[in-house]
Amino acid sequence: MGNRKRYAREFQLEAARLVVEGGYTYDAAAERLGATAWSIREWVKKFRASGELPPAARVVPDAEEMKKLRKEVSQLRMENAILKKAAAYFAKESL
């Protein structure tokens, strides 16, 4: 239990902003930053309580748009991969 990491306050605030304003999930932010999802969740609570982040009831419009755009990008990447495979298949067939 003595292997606990300490993060700078600025790092904690930016990680919390990724979740609240950036539209990231706790898990995605944790994976990207190398922290735990639990830690980020606690930082969000702490900064919301201090007033440095908007309260949970208030939805940040950009965060909602970011979620929607991330989903769309994921779908477009999947469609692009399918089209590449189809093009390769038909290119082989025409030889």
Protein backbone atom coordinates (compact mmCIF):
# COMPACT_ATOMS: atom_id res chain seq x y z
CA MET A 1 0.00 0.00 0.00
CA GLY A 2 3.03 2.28 0.20
CA ASN A 3 3.31 2.55 -3.60
CA ARG A 4 0.83 5.38 -3.85
CA LYS A 5 1.54 7.94 -6.57
CA ARG A 6 1.25 11.66 -5.90
CA TYR A 7 0.09 13.90 -8.71
CA ALA A 8 0.51 17.65 -8.97
CA ARG A 9 -2.62 19.72 -8.43
CA GLU A 10 -2.43 21.06 -12.00
CA PHE A 11 -2.32 17.51 -13.38
CA GLN A 12 -5.34 16.56 -11.29
CA LEU A 13 -7.31 19.58 -12.50
CA GLU A 14 -6.48 18.93 -16.15
CA ALA A 15 -7.44 15.26 -15.78
CA ALA A 16 -10.76 16.29 -14.23
CA ARG A 17 -11.32 18.77 -17.07
CA LEU A 18 -10.80 16.00 -19.63
CA VAL A 19 -13.78 14.21 -18.12
CA VAL A 20 -16.04 17.18 -17.42
CA GLU A 21 -15.29 19.44 -20.38
CA GLY A 22 -13.58 17.10 -22.82
CA GLY A 23 -16.23 14.39 -22.85
CA TYR A 24 -13.86 11.58 -21.87
CA THR A 25 -15.04 8.72 -19.68
CA TYR A 26 -13.19 8.13 -16.44
CA ASP A 27 -11.66 4.98 -17.89
CA ALA A 28 -10.56 6.63 -21.14
CA ALA A 29 -8.98 9.55 -19.31
CA ALA A 30 -7.25 7.17 -16.89
CA GLU A 31 -5.84 5.09 -19.73
CA ARG A 32 -4.63 8.16 -21.58
CA LEU A 33 -3.00 9.74 -18.53
CA GLY A 34 -1.74 6.68 -16.67
CA ALA A 35 -3.79 7.34 -13.54
CA THR A 36 -6.63 5.26 -12.14
CA ALA A 37 -10.26 5.92 -12.98
CA TRP A 38 -11.02 6.03 -9.26
CA SER A 39 -8.45 8.80 -8.72
CA ILE A 40 -9.86 10.87 -11.56
CA ARG A 41 -13.39 10.40 -10.22
CA GLU A 42 -12.24 11.68 -6.82
CA TRP A 43 -10.48 14.66 -8.41
CA VAL A 44 -13.65 15.58 -10.29
CA LYS A 45 -15.61 15.48 -7.02
CA LYS A 46 -12.96 17.59 -5.29
CA PHE A 47 -12.83 20.28 -7.97
CA ARG A 48 -16.61 20.41 -8.32
CA ALA A 49 -16.90 20.92 -4.57
CA SER A 50 -14.33 23.72 -4.67
CA GLY A 51 -16.12 25.42 -7.57
CA GLU A 52 -13.25 25.06 -10.03
CA LEU A 53 -15.38 22.80 -12.24
CA PRO A 54 -19.09 23.17 -13.04
CA PRO A 55 -21.54 21.19 -10.88
CA ALA A 56 -22.63 17.76 -12.08
CA ALA A 57 -26.18 18.93 -12.84
CA ARG A 58 -24.93 21.50 -15.32
CA VAL A 59 -24.09 19.86 -18.64
CA VAL A 60 -21.23 21.36 -20.56
CA PRO A 61 -22.48 21.62 -24.18
CA ASP A 62 -19.05 20.98 -25.63
CA ALA A 63 -18.75 17.72 -23.72
CA GLU A 64 -21.98 16.41 -25.23
CA GLU A 65 -20.83 17.39 -28.71
CA MET A 66 -17.45 15.75 -28.12
CA LYS A 67 -19.13 12.48 -27.12
CA LYS A 68 -21.25 12.56 -30.26
CA LEU A 69 -18.26 13.35 -32.48
CA ARG A 70 -16.12 10.61 -30.92
CA LYS A 71 -18.87 8.08 -31.63
CA GLU A 72 -19.16 9.32 -35.21
CA VAL A 73 -15.38 9.13 -35.75
CA SER A 74 -15.36 5.57 -34.43
CA GLN A 75 -18.15 4.57 -36.81
CA LEU A 76 -16.46 6.25 -39.78
CA ARG A 77 -13.17 4.48 -39.04
CA MET A 78 -14.98 1.16 -38.97
CA GLU A 79 -16.70 1.92 -42.28
CA ASN A 80 -13.39 3.01 -43.80
CA ALA A 81 -11.76 -0.27 -42.74
CA ILE A 82 -14.60 -2.25 -44.35
CA LEU A 83 -14.25 -0.28 -47.59
CA LYS A 84 -10.49 -0.88 -47.68
CA LYS A 85 -11.02 -4.62 -47.30
CA ALA A 86 -13.67 -4.62 -50.01
CA ALA A 87 -11.41 -2.67 -52.38
CA ALA A 88 -8.57 -5.12 -51.78
CA TYR A 89 -10.91 -8.07 -52.38
CA PHE A 90 -12.19 -6.68 -55.68
CA ALA A 91 -8.69 -5.71 -56.78
CA LYS A 92 -7.56 -9.34 -56.30
CA GLU A 93 -10.59 -10.61 -58.17
CA SER A 94 -9.94 -8.42 -61.21
CA LEU A 95 -6.39 -9.78 -61.71
